Amino acid sequence: MVNTRKRQKKSEKEPETDSQSENNEIFEKLKIVVAAETEKIEISNKRKFDEIAEKLQSMEKSIAKIPKLSNNRNKTELKKKFVLKDVFEPANDLTDEGDSITSEDEEHYNVKW
């Protein structure tokens, strides 16, 4: 009877070691899978980063070709200018009390004023 009890104790210990070794195997497999997935993600991120960096460089090149606006504003002149040609007389001389003054219509830029 003593022998059977020892065997039962041994058989109880064996499942613990089996489950531990199974856990270790599963853990190692998971480490391999996680490492592979991490590598895939890193490659994908590197590819995306390279694409974005390339787009940024092309944008910088195209921006460098555009002349600065501040320099162009000083050099360019407006085509249309409004020049005041009328001579004003003192307002006291123009009207008597109660009289209204009208002026002739003038045309500027195809618009009557």
N, C-alpha and C. Protein backbone atom coordinates (compact mmCIF):
# COMPACT_ATOMS: atom_id res chain seq x y z
N MET A 1 0.81 -1.20 0.00
CA MET A 1 0.00 0.00 0.00
C MET A 1 0.85 1.27 0.00
N VAL A 2 1.95 1.19 0.59
CA VAL A 2 2.82 2.34 0.65
C VAL A 2 3.29 2.69 -0.76
N ASN A 3 3.54 1.69 -1.55
CA ASN A 3 4.00 1.93 -2.91
C ASN A 3 2.93 2.63 -3.74
N THR A 4 1.70 2.28 -3.54
CA THR A 4 0.63 2.90 -4.32
C THR A 4 0.48 4.37 -3.96
N ARG A 5 0.68 4.70 -2.73
CA ARG A 5 0.57 6.10 -2.33
C ARG A 5 1.70 6.92 -2.95
N LYS A 6 2.89 6.38 -3.00
CA LYS A 6 4.01 7.08 -3.59
C LYS A 6 3.76 7.30 -5.07
N ARG A 7 3.20 6.27 -5.71
CA ARG A 7 2.90 6.40 -7.14
C ARG A 7 1.86 7.48 -7.39
N GLN A 8 0.86 7.53 -6.49
CA GLN A 8 -0.17 8.56 -6.65
C GLN A 8 0.44 9.95 -6.49
N LYS A 9 1.36 10.10 -5.56
CA LYS A 9 2.01 11.39 -5.36
C LYS A 9 2.84 11.76 -6.58
N LYS A 10 3.54 10.77 -7.16
CA LYS A 10 4.33 11.02 -8.35
C LYS A 10 3.43 11.41 -9.52
N SER A 11 2.31 10.70 -9.64
CA SER A 11 1.41 10.99 -10.76
C SER A 11 0.77 12.37 -10.59
N GLU A 12 0.59 12.81 -9.36
CA GLU A 12 0.05 14.14 -9.13
C GLU A 12 1.08 15.22 -9.50
N LYS A 13 2.36 14.96 -9.29
CA LYS A 13 3.41 15.92 -9.61
C LYS A 13 3.64 16.01 -11.11
N GLU A 14 3.49 14.93 -11.81
CA GLU A 14 3.73 14.91 -13.25
C GLU A 14 2.81 15.85 -14.02
N PRO A 15 1.51 15.91 -13.72
CA PRO A 15 0.66 16.86 -14.45
C PRO A 15 1.09 18.31 -14.25
N GLU A 16 1.62 18.63 -13.08
CA GLU A 16 2.08 20.00 -12.85
C GLU A 16 3.26 20.33 -13.76
N THR A 17 4.18 19.43 -13.89
CA THR A 17 5.32 19.69 -14.76
C THR A 17 4.90 19.69 -16.22
N ASP A 18 3.94 18.84 -16.56
CA ASP A 18 3.44 18.82 -17.94
C ASP A 18 2.75 20.13 -18.28
N SER A 19 1.92 20.61 -17.38
CA SER A 19 1.21 21.87 -17.65
C SER A 19 2.19 23.04 -17.69
N GLN A 20 3.22 22.98 -16.87
CA GLN A 20 4.22 24.04 -16.88
C GLN A 20 5.01 24.02 -18.18
N SER A 21 5.37 22.85 -18.64
CA SER A 21 6.10 22.77 -19.91
C SER A 21 5.21 23.20 -21.07
N GLU A 22 3.92 22.86 -21.00
CA GLU A 22 2.98 23.31 -22.04
C GLU A 22 2.86 24.83 -22.02
N ASN A 23 2.78 25.38 -20.82
CA ASN A 23 2.71 26.84 -20.70
C ASN A 23 3.97 27.50 -21.27
N ASN A 24 5.12 26.91 -21.00
CA ASN A 24 6.37 27.46 -21.55
C ASN A 24 6.37 27.39 -23.07
N GLU A 25 5.90 26.28 -23.63
CA GLU A 25 5.84 26.15 -25.08
C GLU A 25 4.89 27.19 -25.69
N ILE A 26 3.74 27.35 -25.07
CA ILE A 26 2.76 28.34 -25.55
C ILE A 26 3.36 29.74 -25.45
N PHE A 27 4.04 30.00 -24.34
CA PHE A 27 4.66 31.31 -24.15
C PHE A 27 5.71 31.57 -25.23
N GLU A 28 6.52 30.60 -25.54
CA GLU A 28 7.54 30.75 -26.58
C GLU A 28 6.90 30.99 -27.95
N LYS A 29 5.83 30.25 -28.24
CA LYS A 29 5.12 30.44 -29.52
C LYS A 29 4.53 31.85 -29.60
N LEU A 30 3.96 32.30 -28.49
CA LEU A 30 3.39 33.65 -28.46
C LEU A 30 4.48 34.71 -28.65
N LYS A 31 5.64 34.50 -28.05
CA LYS A 31 6.74 35.44 -28.23
C LYS A 31 7.14 35.52 -29.70
N ILE A 32 7.18 34.38 -30.37
CA ILE A 32 7.56 34.36 -31.79
C ILE A 32 6.51 35.08 -32.62
N VAL A 33 5.23 34.82 -32.35
CA VAL A 33 4.15 35.46 -33.10
C VAL A 33 4.16 36.97 -32.87
N VAL A 34 4.31 37.38 -31.62
CA VAL A 34 4.33 38.81 -31.30
C VAL A 34 5.53 39.49 -31.97
N ALA A 35 6.67 38.84 -31.96
CA ALA A 35 7.85 39.41 -32.60
C ALA A 35 7.62 39.58 -34.11
N ALA A 36 7.00 38.58 -34.74
CA ALA A 36 6.73 38.66 -36.18
C ALA A 36 5.75 39.78 -36.48
N GLU A 37 4.69 39.89 -35.70
CA GLU A 37 3.69 40.94 -35.92
C GLU A 37 4.31 42.32 -35.67
N THR A 38 5.13 42.43 -34.65
CA THR A 38 5.80 43.70 -34.36
C THR A 38 6.69 44.11 -35.52
N GLU A 39 7.40 43.15 -36.09
CA GLU A 39 8.27 43.44 -37.23
C GLU A 39 7.45 43.91 -38.43
N LYS A 40 6.30 43.26 -38.66
CA LYS A 40 5.43 43.68 -39.77
C LYS A 40 4.96 45.12 -39.56
N ILE A 41 4.55 45.43 -38.35
CA ILE A 41 4.07 46.78 -38.05
C ILE A 41 5.19 47.80 -38.22
N GLU A 42 6.39 47.46 -37.77
CA GLU A 42 7.53 48.38 -37.93
C GLU A 42 7.84 48.62 -39.39
N ILE A 43 7.78 47.58 -40.20
CA ILE A 43 8.04 47.73 -41.64
C ILE A 43 6.97 48.62 -42.27
N SER A 44 5.72 48.38 -41.90
CA SER A 44 4.62 49.19 -42.43
C SER A 44 4.77 50.65 -42.02
N ASN A 45 5.10 50.89 -40.76
CA ASN A 45 5.28 52.26 -40.28
C ASN A 45 6.46 52.94 -40.96
N LYS A 46 7.54 52.20 -41.19
CA LYS A 46 8.70 52.77 -41.87
C LYS A 46 8.34 53.15 -43.30
N ARG A 47 7.57 52.31 -43.97
CA ARG A 47 7.15 52.61 -45.34
C ARG A 47 6.29 53.87 -45.36
N LYS A 48 5.34 53.97 -44.42
CA LYS A 48 4.49 55.15 -44.35
C LYS A 48 5.32 56.40 -44.05
N PHE A 49 6.26 56.27 -43.13
CA PHE A 49 7.12 57.40 -42.79
C PHE A 49 7.92 57.86 -43.99
N ASP A 50 8.46 56.90 -44.75
CA ASP A 50 9.23 57.25 -45.94
C ASP A 50 8.37 57.97 -46.97
N GLU A 51 7.11 57.51 -47.15
CA GLU A 51 6.20 58.17 -48.10
C GLU A 51 5.91 59.60 -47.67
N ILE A 52 5.65 59.79 -46.38
CA ILE A 52 5.34 61.13 -45.87
C ILE A 52 6.57 62.03 -45.99
N ALA A 53 7.74 61.49 -45.69
CA ALA A 53 8.97 62.29 -45.80
C ALA A 53 9.21 62.70 -47.25
N GLU A 54 8.94 61.79 -48.18
CA GLU A 54 9.11 62.10 -49.60
C GLU A 54 8.15 63.20 -50.04
N LYS A 55 6.89 63.11 -49.59
CA LYS A 55 5.90 64.15 -49.92
C LYS A 55 6.33 65.50 -49.34
N LEU A 56 6.82 65.48 -48.12
CA LEU A 56 7.26 66.72 -47.47
C LEU A 56 8.42 67.35 -48.23
N GLN A 57 9.36 66.54 -48.66
CA GLN A 57 10.49 67.06 -49.42
C GLN A 57 10.04 67.66 -50.74
N SER A 58 9.09 67.00 -51.41
CA SER A 58 8.61 67.54 -52.69
C SER A 58 7.86 68.86 -52.46
N MET A 59 7.12 68.95 -51.35
CA MET A 59 6.43 70.20 -51.03
C MET A 59 7.44 71.31 -50.74
N GLU A 60 8.49 70.99 -50.00
CA GLU A 60 9.51 71.99 -49.71
C GLU A 60 10.19 72.48 -50.98
N LYS A 61 10.44 71.57 -51.92
CA LYS A 61 11.06 71.97 -53.19
C LYS A 61 10.13 72.89 -53.97
N SER A 62 8.84 72.55 -54.01
CA SER A 62 7.90 73.38 -54.77
C SER A 62 7.70 74.74 -54.10
N ILE A 63 7.73 74.78 -52.78
CA ILE A 63 7.60 76.05 -52.07
C ILE A 63 8.82 76.92 -52.31
N ALA A 64 9.98 76.31 -52.40
CA ALA A 64 11.21 77.07 -52.63
C ALA A 64 11.19 77.74 -54.00
N LYS A 65 10.49 77.15 -54.97
CA LYS A 65 10.42 77.71 -56.31
C LYS A 65 9.52 78.93 -56.38
N ILE A 66 8.55 79.04 -55.48
CA ILE A 66 7.61 80.16 -55.49
C ILE A 66 8.30 81.40 -54.93
N PRO A 67 8.28 82.51 -55.67
CA PRO A 67 8.92 83.73 -55.14
C PRO A 67 8.12 84.27 -53.95
N LYS A 68 8.81 84.93 -53.08
CA LYS A 68 8.15 85.49 -51.91
C LYS A 68 7.25 86.64 -52.31
N LEU A 69 6.07 86.72 -51.70
CA LEU A 69 5.09 87.73 -52.06
C LEU A 69 5.49 89.13 -51.60
N SER A 70 6.19 89.23 -50.50
CA SER A 70 6.53 90.55 -49.98
C SER A 70 7.42 91.32 -50.96
N ASN A 71 8.31 90.64 -51.66
CA ASN A 71 9.16 91.31 -52.64
C ASN A 71 8.35 91.73 -53.86
N ASN A 72 7.40 90.93 -54.27
CA ASN A 72 6.62 91.23 -55.47
C ASN A 72 5.66 92.40 -55.25
N ARG A 73 5.16 92.55 -54.06
CA ARG A 73 4.21 93.63 -53.80
C ARG A 73 4.87 95.00 -53.96
N ASN A 74 6.09 95.10 -53.56
CA ASN A 74 6.79 96.38 -53.69
C ASN A 74 7.07 96.72 -55.14
N LYS A 75 7.31 95.74 -55.97
CA LYS A 75 7.70 95.97 -57.35
C LYS A 75 6.50 96.21 -58.26
N THR A 76 5.38 95.60 -57.96
CA THR A 76 4.23 95.74 -58.84
C THR A 76 3.48 97.02 -58.54
N GLU A 77 2.86 97.55 -59.57
CA GLU A 77 2.05 98.75 -59.41
C GLU A 77 0.62 98.41 -59.78
N LEU A 78 -0.30 99.09 -59.13
CA LEU A 78 -1.70 98.88 -59.45
C LEU A 78 -2.01 99.50 -60.80
N LYS A 79 -2.83 98.82 -61.58
CA LYS A 79 -3.16 99.32 -62.90
C LYS A 79 -4.17 100.46 -62.83
N LYS A 80 -5.13 100.33 -61.93
CA LYS A 80 -6.15 101.37 -61.82
C LYS A 80 -5.88 102.22 -60.59
N LYS A 81 -5.89 103.50 -60.81
CA LYS A 81 -5.70 104.43 -59.71
C LYS A 81 -6.80 105.47 -59.79
N PHE A 82 -7.25 105.91 -58.66
CA PHE A 82 -8.24 106.96 -58.62
C PHE A 82 -7.52 108.27 -58.34
N VAL A 83 -7.70 109.23 -59.23
CA VAL A 83 -7.06 110.53 -59.07
C VAL A 83 -8.15 111.57 -58.94
N LEU A 84 -8.08 112.33 -57.89
CA LEU A 84 -9.07 113.37 -57.65
C LEU A 84 -8.66 114.62 -58.43
N LYS A 85 -9.48 114.97 -59.41
CA LYS A 85 -9.15 116.11 -60.26
C LYS A 85 -10.02 117.33 -59.95
N ASP A 86 -11.02 117.15 -59.14
CA ASP A 86 -11.91 118.26 -58.84
C ASP A 86 -11.25 119.24 -57.87
N VAL A 87 -11.60 120.51 -58.06
CA VAL A 87 -11.11 121.55 -57.17
C VAL A 87 -12.30 122.00 -56.34
N PHE A 88 -12.14 121.99 -55.04
CA PHE A 88 -13.24 122.38 -54.18
C PHE A 88 -13.16 123.87 -53.87
N GLU A 89 -14.32 124.45 -53.89
CA GLU A 89 -14.43 125.86 -53.53
C GLU A 89 -14.97 125.93 -52.11
N PRO A 90 -14.78 127.02 -51.45
CA PRO A 90 -15.32 127.14 -50.10
C PRO A 90 -16.84 126.94 -50.13
N ALA A 91 -17.35 126.19 -49.21
CA ALA A 91 -18.76 125.84 -49.18
C ALA A 91 -19.64 127.07 -48.92
N ASN A 92 -19.14 128.06 -48.24
CA ASN A 92 -19.94 129.25 -47.97
C ASN A 92 -20.29 129.98 -49.25
N ASP A 93 -19.41 129.98 -50.22
CA ASP A 93 -19.65 130.70 -51.47
C ASP A 93 -20.63 129.96 -52.38
N LEU A 94 -20.78 128.69 -52.23
CA LEU A 94 -21.57 127.88 -53.15
C LEU A 94 -23.08 128.04 -52.94
N THR A 95 -23.51 128.13 -51.76
CA THR A 95 -24.95 128.09 -51.53
C THR A 95 -25.46 129.30 -50.79
N ASP A 96 -26.66 129.60 -51.16
CA ASP A 96 -27.41 130.53 -50.34
C ASP A 96 -28.30 129.64 -49.49
N GLU A 97 -28.87 130.20 -48.49
CA GLU A 97 -29.67 129.37 -47.61
C GLU A 97 -30.86 128.79 -48.36
N GLY A 98 -31.05 127.46 -48.21
CA GLY A 98 -32.19 126.80 -48.82
C GLY A 98 -31.95 126.30 -50.22
N ASP A 99 -30.89 126.72 -50.88
CA ASP A 99 -30.61 126.25 -52.24
C ASP A 99 -29.87 124.92 -52.17
N SER A 100 -30.17 124.05 -53.11
CA SER A 100 -29.43 122.79 -53.19
C SER A 100 -28.50 122.84 -54.40
N ILE A 101 -27.41 122.17 -54.30
CA ILE A 101 -26.43 122.18 -55.38
C ILE A 101 -26.35 120.78 -55.97
N THR A 102 -26.37 120.73 -57.29
CA THR A 102 -26.17 119.46 -57.98
C THR A 102 -24.99 119.61 -58.92
N SER A 103 -24.35 118.52 -59.18
CA SER A 103 -23.20 118.57 -60.09
C SER A 103 -23.50 117.74 -61.33
N GLU A 104 -22.67 117.93 -62.33
CA GLU A 104 -22.84 117.18 -63.55
C GLU A 104 -22.36 115.74 -63.34
N ASP A 105 -22.98 114.81 -64.10
CA ASP A 105 -22.54 113.42 -64.01
C ASP A 105 -21.21 113.25 -64.73
N GLU A 106 -20.32 112.52 -64.10
CA GLU A 106 -19.04 112.21 -64.71
C GLU A 106 -18.91 110.69 -64.81
N GLU A 107 -18.15 110.26 -65.78
CA GLU A 107 -17.99 108.82 -65.98
C GLU A 107 -16.57 108.41 -65.61
N HIS A 108 -16.46 107.43 -64.71
CA HIS A 108 -15.18 106.87 -64.30
C HIS A 108 -15.28 105.35 -64.37
N TYR A 109 -14.39 104.74 -65.13
CA TYR A 109 -14.38 103.28 -65.29
C TYR A 109 -15.74 102.75 -65.74
N ASN A 110 -16.32 103.43 -66.71
CA ASN A 110 -17.62 103.06 -67.29
C ASN A 110 -18.76 103.13 -66.29
N VAL A 111 -18.62 103.95 -65.28
CA VAL A 111 -19.69 104.14 -64.30
C VAL A 111 -19.92 105.63 -64.16
N LYS A 112 -21.21 106.03 -64.23
CA LYS A 112 -21.55 107.45 -64.08
C LYS A 112 -21.66 107.78 -62.60
N TRP A 113 -21.06 108.93 -62.24
CA TRP A 113 -21.07 109.40 -60.85
C TRP A 113 -21.80 110.71 -60.78
